[in-house]
Amino acid sequence: MPDPLITRAEALIARLEALLAPQPTVPDWQAGIAYRWREQNGRGFLKPVPHPHRIRLADLRGVDEQKKIIERNTRQFVAGQPANNVLLTGARGTGKSSLVKAVLNQYAAKGLRLIEVEKNDLGDLPDIVDLIYGRPERFILYCDDLSFGAEEAGYQALKAILDGSIASNSDNLLVYATSNRRHLMPEYMAENAATRHIGDEVHPDEAVEEKVSLSERFGIWLSFYPFEQEAYLDIADHWVKQLGGVPGDDEMRHRAALQWSLSRGARSGRVAWQFARDWVGRQASKKLR
């Protein structure tokens, strides 16, 4: 039988540890436009990104409709008007992450800031919200390549931020997340088999409802698809020009770009950009010989 005195002492120690837990340090808000959430010695803090990736909205091609929607939503947000959390889903390398970076670049001068949070740190979201509460800047909480296993931590914390908990969320915060999964969680055949049909009505299994409920908390869904050949070649041409490539035989360059995409097994903006770097680099090397 446990000693009551020891039990009370352990409970007191636990309460003291909770009270003395290290609090997040206040960041230097003048240090940059982008931050990453990091932990050191059990203390969470926002680390400025000294050289954020600068990309222009004009450099993103083949995603005009997605670009128009996220730019409009971000413009509303920066102006202090109502705006929505955004979930960007779809094929790899089609511009999801680049689009988030581009709107930061577009609106940083008007007070937009970005905080990148890894999936494993989503449990710290309440601390981040406390740090930015009442700040004059407008913050995008950015979660890249987000997906959850069935029991992973951080799932409930993100739901609370998206939908609100007992504490009021700051109105200067939106969540922009990218994922290859529309519903952010794996879906299994057994879950669909558990769907019930009552008359003409369909009643999904509770597991399916729970998974859909997270993505539904994002007000805007943007879907990205693999590029058609014409769009892929247009992107490759754009980056060859931006990287200083000398205009030459279009047919030869396009043939090389298509062979490059076949070797990578995809036609995407990322693959087109990688081809352009290789093409321009090889052009420059030939001149040095």
Protein backbone atom coordinates (compact mmCIF):
# COMPACT_ATOMS: atom_id res chain seq x y z
CA MET A 1 0.00 0.00 0.00
CA PRO A 2 1.57 3.34 -1.00
CA ASP A 3 2.62 5.77 1.71
CA PRO A 4 0.11 8.70 1.76
CA LEU A 5 2.92 11.13 2.59
CA ILE A 6 4.96 10.05 -0.44
CA THR A 7 1.88 10.28 -2.66
CA ARG A 8 1.18 13.83 -1.47
CA ALA A 9 4.81 14.82 -1.93
CA GLU A 10 4.86 13.49 -5.50
CA ALA A 11 1.66 15.41 -6.30
CA LEU A 12 3.18 18.60 -4.86
CA ILE A 13 6.36 18.15 -6.91
CA ALA A 14 4.31 17.67 -10.07
CA ARG A 15 2.41 20.89 -9.38
CA LEU A 16 5.65 22.80 -8.75
CA GLU A 17 7.19 21.47 -11.97
CA ALA A 18 4.17 22.69 -13.92
CA LEU A 19 4.43 26.13 -12.31
CA LEU A 20 8.17 26.38 -12.93
CA ALA A 21 8.09 25.09 -16.52
CA PRO A 22 10.19 27.35 -18.78
CA GLN A 23 8.12 29.88 -20.68
CA PRO A 24 8.72 30.74 -24.35
CA THR A 25 11.06 33.70 -24.79
CA VAL A 26 9.77 36.81 -26.55
CA PRO A 27 11.32 36.97 -30.03
CA ASP A 28 12.98 39.94 -31.67
CA TRP A 29 10.15 41.01 -33.97
CA GLN A 30 12.50 43.29 -35.92
CA ALA A 31 14.84 40.41 -36.83
CA GLY A 32 13.00 39.24 -39.94
CA ILE A 33 9.77 38.40 -41.71
CA ALA A 34 9.90 34.62 -41.21
CA TYR A 35 10.44 32.48 -38.10
CA ARG A 36 10.75 28.83 -37.19
CA TRP A 37 9.52 27.35 -33.92
CA ARG A 38 12.40 25.59 -32.17
CA GLU A 39 13.09 24.03 -28.77
CA GLN A 40 16.24 24.20 -26.71
CA ASN A 41 16.69 22.90 -23.16
CA GLY A 42 12.95 22.33 -22.90
CA ARG A 43 12.16 25.92 -23.86
CA GLY A 44 10.31 26.81 -27.06
CA PHE A 45 11.23 29.93 -29.01
CA LEU A 46 10.80 31.59 -32.39
CA LYS A 47 14.04 31.63 -34.36
CA PRO A 48 14.26 34.26 -37.12
CA VAL A 49 15.07 33.00 -40.61
CA PRO A 50 17.89 35.31 -41.74
CA HIS A 51 17.52 34.68 -45.46
CA PRO A 52 13.98 33.52 -46.32
CA HIS A 53 13.35 32.08 -49.77
CA ARG A 54 12.25 35.02 -51.92
CA ILE A 55 9.97 34.03 -54.75
CA ARG A 56 7.56 36.24 -56.67
CA LEU A 57 3.95 35.41 -57.43
CA ALA A 58 4.77 36.19 -61.07
CA ASP A 59 7.29 33.32 -61.09
CA LEU A 60 4.58 30.74 -60.33
CA ARG A 61 3.01 29.57 -63.56
CA GLY A 62 0.33 27.04 -64.35
CA VAL A 63 -1.50 27.67 -61.04
CA ASP A 64 -3.27 30.92 -61.90
CA GLU A 65 -6.59 30.07 -60.21
CA GLN A 66 -4.94 28.86 -56.99
CA LYS A 67 -2.71 31.94 -57.00
CA LYS A 68 -5.68 34.28 -57.43
CA ILE A 69 -7.58 32.74 -54.51
CA ILE A 70 -4.72 32.64 -51.99
CA GLU A 71 -3.54 36.13 -52.95
CA ARG A 72 -7.04 37.52 -52.46
CA ASN A 73 -7.43 35.76 -49.10
CA THR A 74 -4.03 37.01 -47.90
CA ARG A 75 -4.78 40.55 -49.05
CA GLN A 76 -8.00 40.53 -47.02
CA PHE A 77 -6.12 39.20 -43.99
CA VAL A 78 -3.37 41.84 -44.16
CA ALA A 79 -6.01 44.56 -44.48
CA GLY A 80 -7.62 43.39 -41.24
CA GLN A 81 -10.66 41.95 -42.98
CA PRO A 82 -12.14 38.46 -42.42
CA ALA A 83 -10.12 35.70 -44.11
CA ASN A 84 -9.87 31.91 -44.04
CA ASN A 85 -7.34 29.26 -43.12
CA VAL A 86 -6.05 27.57 -46.29
CA LEU A 87 -5.26 23.92 -47.06
CA LEU A 88 -3.19 23.33 -50.20
CA THR A 89 -3.24 19.70 -51.33
CA GLY A 90 -2.19 17.66 -54.32
CA ALA A 91 0.71 16.46 -56.41
CA ARG A 92 4.28 16.96 -55.29
CA GLY A 93 6.30 19.82 -56.76
CA THR A 94 3.33 21.73 -58.18
CA GLY A 95 3.87 24.95 -56.23
CA LYS A 96 2.02 24.52 -52.94
CA SER A 97 4.88 25.60 -50.67
CA SER A 98 6.18 28.15 -53.17
CA LEU A 99 2.78 29.83 -53.24
CA VAL A 100 2.84 30.36 -49.47
CA LYS A 101 6.37 31.80 -49.68
CA ALA A 102 5.32 34.04 -52.56
CA VAL A 103 2.43 35.66 -50.67
CA LEU A 104 4.80 36.31 -47.76
CA ASN A 105 7.18 38.02 -50.17
CA GLN A 106 4.29 40.00 -51.66
CA TYR A 107 2.87 41.28 -48.37
CA ALA A 108 5.82 41.38 -45.94
CA ALA A 109 6.13 45.15 -46.38
CA LYS A 110 2.52 45.48 -45.21
CA GLY A 111 3.13 43.59 -41.98
CA LEU A 112 2.70 39.95 -42.98
CA ARG A 113 4.92 37.49 -41.10
CA LEU A 114 5.31 33.71 -41.35
CA ILE A 115 5.92 31.16 -38.60
CA GLU A 116 6.90 27.67 -39.75
CA VAL A 117 5.98 24.89 -37.33
CA GLU A 118 7.00 21.26 -37.72
CA LYS A 119 4.33 18.62 -37.20
CA ASN A 120 6.06 17.31 -34.07
CA ASP A 121 5.81 20.76 -32.48
CA LEU A 122 2.10 21.34 -33.05
CA GLY A 123 1.46 20.64 -29.37
CA ASP A 124 3.17 23.99 -28.71
CA LEU A 125 0.62 25.96 -30.73
CA PRO A 126 -1.01 27.52 -27.64
CA ASP A 127 2.40 28.96 -26.65
CA ILE A 128 2.85 30.45 -30.12
CA VAL A 129 -0.62 31.99 -30.03
CA ASP A 130 0.20 33.58 -26.66
CA LEU A 131 3.41 35.08 -28.07
CA ILE A 132 1.71 36.81 -31.00
CA TYR A 133 -1.54 37.77 -29.28
CA GLY A 134 -2.15 41.50 -29.68
CA ARG A 135 0.82 42.08 -32.00
CA PRO A 136 0.20 44.55 -34.87
CA GLU A 137 1.67 42.17 -37.46
CA ARG A 138 -0.41 39.57 -39.29
CA PHE A 139 0.91 36.02 -38.93
CA ILE A 140 0.62 32.96 -41.16
CA LEU A 141 1.22 29.77 -39.21
CA TYR A 142 2.77 27.56 -41.88
CA CYS A 143 2.73 23.76 -41.71
CA ASP A 144 4.45 22.12 -44.68
CA ASP A 145 3.82 18.55 -45.91
CA LEU A 146 1.31 17.95 -43.14
CA SER A 147 -0.26 14.55 -42.48
CA PHE A 148 -1.15 12.59 -39.38
CA GLY A 149 -1.16 8.98 -38.34
CA ALA A 150 -4.20 7.76 -36.48
CA GLU A 151 -2.83 8.46 -33.00
CA GLU A 152 -0.23 11.19 -33.59
CA ALA A 153 0.12 14.07 -31.19
CA GLY A 154 -0.58 17.56 -32.51
CA TYR A 155 -3.81 16.59 -34.23
CA GLN A 156 -6.04 17.91 -31.45
CA ALA A 157 -3.90 21.02 -30.97
CA LEU A 158 -4.30 21.94 -34.63
CA LYS A 159 -8.05 21.31 -34.48
CA ALA A 160 -8.31 23.66 -31.50
CA ILE A 161 -6.42 26.44 -33.30
CA LEU A 162 -8.49 26.06 -36.45
CA ASP A 163 -11.86 25.86 -34.77
CA GLY A 164 -11.25 27.67 -31.51
CA SER A 165 -10.99 26.33 -28.00
CA ILE A 166 -12.12 27.77 -24.68
CA ALA A 167 -9.46 30.46 -25.15
CA SER A 168 -10.02 33.03 -27.89
CA ASN A 169 -7.61 32.81 -30.80
CA SER A 170 -5.81 35.93 -31.94
CA ASP A 171 -7.43 37.53 -34.98
CA ASN A 172 -3.96 38.22 -36.41
CA LEU A 173 -3.31 34.53 -37.12
CA LEU A 174 -4.19 32.21 -40.01
CA VAL A 175 -3.05 28.66 -40.73
CA TYR A 176 -1.73 27.81 -44.20
CA ALA A 177 -0.92 24.09 -44.53
CA THR A 178 0.29 21.96 -47.43
CA SER A 179 -0.28 18.23 -47.76
CA ASN A 180 -0.35 15.41 -50.27
CA ARG A 181 -3.51 14.13 -48.54
CA ARG A 182 -6.83 15.91 -48.89
CA HIS A 183 -8.00 14.85 -45.43
CA LEU A 184 -4.53 14.98 -43.80
CA MET A 185 -4.88 11.44 -42.42
CA PRO A 186 -4.61 7.95 -43.93
CA GLU A 187 -7.89 6.40 -45.04
CA TYR A 188 -8.48 2.64 -44.99
CA MET A 189 -10.86 0.38 -46.89
CA ALA A 190 -12.18 -1.04 -43.62
CA GLU A 191 -13.41 2.40 -42.60
CA ASN A 192 -15.42 2.80 -45.80
CA ALA A 193 -16.83 -0.71 -45.33
CA ALA A 194 -18.23 0.42 -41.97
CA THR A 195 -20.38 3.10 -43.64
CA ARG A 196 -24.08 2.48 -42.96
CA HIS A 197 -26.93 2.95 -45.44
CA ILE A 198 -30.29 3.84 -43.93
CA GLY A 199 -32.84 4.19 -46.68
CA ASP A 200 -31.44 6.73 -49.15
CA GLU A 201 -29.14 8.22 -46.55
CA VAL A 202 -25.43 7.45 -46.16
CA HIS A 203 -23.93 7.53 -42.65
CA PRO A 204 -20.11 7.38 -42.67
CA ASP A 205 -18.30 5.53 -39.94
CA GLU A 206 -17.14 7.69 -37.01
CA ALA A 207 -13.48 7.17 -37.97
CA VAL A 208 -14.17 8.63 -41.42
CA GLU A 209 -16.10 11.55 -39.92
CA GLU A 210 -13.23 12.33 -37.57
CA LYS A 211 -10.67 12.40 -40.37
CA VAL A 212 -12.79 14.60 -42.61
CA SER A 213 -13.51 16.97 -39.73
CA LEU A 214 -9.92 18.25 -39.57
CA SER A 215 -9.68 19.29 -43.22
CA GLU A 216 -13.17 20.81 -43.04
CA ARG A 217 -11.86 23.32 -40.51
CA PHE A 218 -9.92 24.99 -43.31
CA GLY A 219 -12.16 27.52 -45.01
CA ILE A 220 -10.34 27.32 -48.36
CA TRP A 221 -9.16 24.16 -50.12
CA LEU A 222 -6.78 24.56 -53.05
CA SER A 223 -6.05 21.49 -55.18
CA PHE A 224 -2.90 21.07 -57.31
CA TYR A 225 -2.50 18.60 -60.17
CA PRO A 226 0.37 17.36 -62.35
CA PHE A 227 1.02 19.71 -65.26
CA GLU A 228 0.15 19.00 -68.85
CA GLN A 229 3.10 18.96 -71.23
CA GLU A 230 2.49 22.47 -72.56
CA ALA A 231 2.35 23.98 -69.07
CA TYR A 232 5.46 22.07 -67.99
CA LEU A 233 7.45 23.38 -70.97
CA ASP A 234 6.22 26.93 -70.32
CA ILE A 235 7.51 26.72 -66.73
CA ALA A 236 10.84 25.32 -67.90
CA ASP A 237 11.20 28.16 -70.44
CA HIS A 238 10.37 30.73 -67.77
CA TRP A 239 13.06 29.48 -65.40
CA VAL A 240 15.66 29.18 -68.16
CA LYS A 241 15.05 32.86 -68.86
CA GLN A 242 15.05 33.85 -65.18
CA LEU A 243 18.34 32.03 -64.60
CA GLY A 244 20.03 33.87 -67.42
CA GLY A 245 19.92 31.20 -70.10
CA VAL A 246 20.61 32.27 -73.65
CA PRO A 247 17.66 31.77 -76.05
CA GLY A 248 18.48 29.03 -78.51
CA ASP A 249 16.89 26.12 -80.30
CA ASP A 250 13.46 25.79 -78.65
CA GLU A 251 12.87 22.35 -80.12
CA MET A 252 16.13 20.99 -78.77
CA ARG A 253 15.55 22.55 -75.33
CA HIS A 254 11.99 21.23 -75.16
CA ARG A 255 13.10 17.76 -76.16
CA ALA A 256 15.72 17.84 -73.40
CA ALA A 257 13.12 19.12 -70.89
CA LEU A 258 10.74 16.28 -71.72
CA GLN A 259 13.50 13.69 -71.43
CA TRP A 260 14.37 15.21 -68.04
CA SER A 261 10.77 14.86 -66.87
CA LEU A 262 10.65 11.23 -68.02
CA SER A 263 13.79 10.46 -66.02
CA ARG A 264 12.14 11.99 -62.93
CA GLY A 265 8.77 10.36 -63.53
CA ALA A 266 6.84 13.62 -63.21
CA ARG A 267 5.97 16.88 -64.94
CA SER A 268 5.92 19.44 -62.16
CA GLY A 269 7.12 22.96 -61.47
CA ARG A 270 9.92 21.61 -59.31
CA VAL A 271 11.13 19.27 -62.06
CA ALA A 272 10.97 22.13 -64.60
CA TRP A 273 13.03 24.34 -62.26
CA GLN A 274 15.60 21.60 -61.77
CA PHE A 275 15.85 21.09 -65.52
CA ALA A 276 16.36 24.83 -66.06
CA ARG A 277 19.21 24.90 -63.54
CA ASP A 278 20.89 21.98 -65.29
CA TRP A 279 20.36 23.44 -68.77
CA VAL A 280 21.62 26.94 -67.91
CA GLY A 281 24.54 25.53 -65.93
CA ARG A 282 25.64 23.34 -68.84
CA GLN A 283 25.35 26.31 -71.21
CA ALA A 284 27.61 28.36 -68.98
CA SER A 285 30.14 25.50 -68.65
CA LYS A 286 30.42 25.20 -72.46
CA LYS A 287 31.32 28.89 -72.71
CA LEU A 288 34.16 28.44 -70.21
CA ARG A 289 35.85 25.68 -72.22
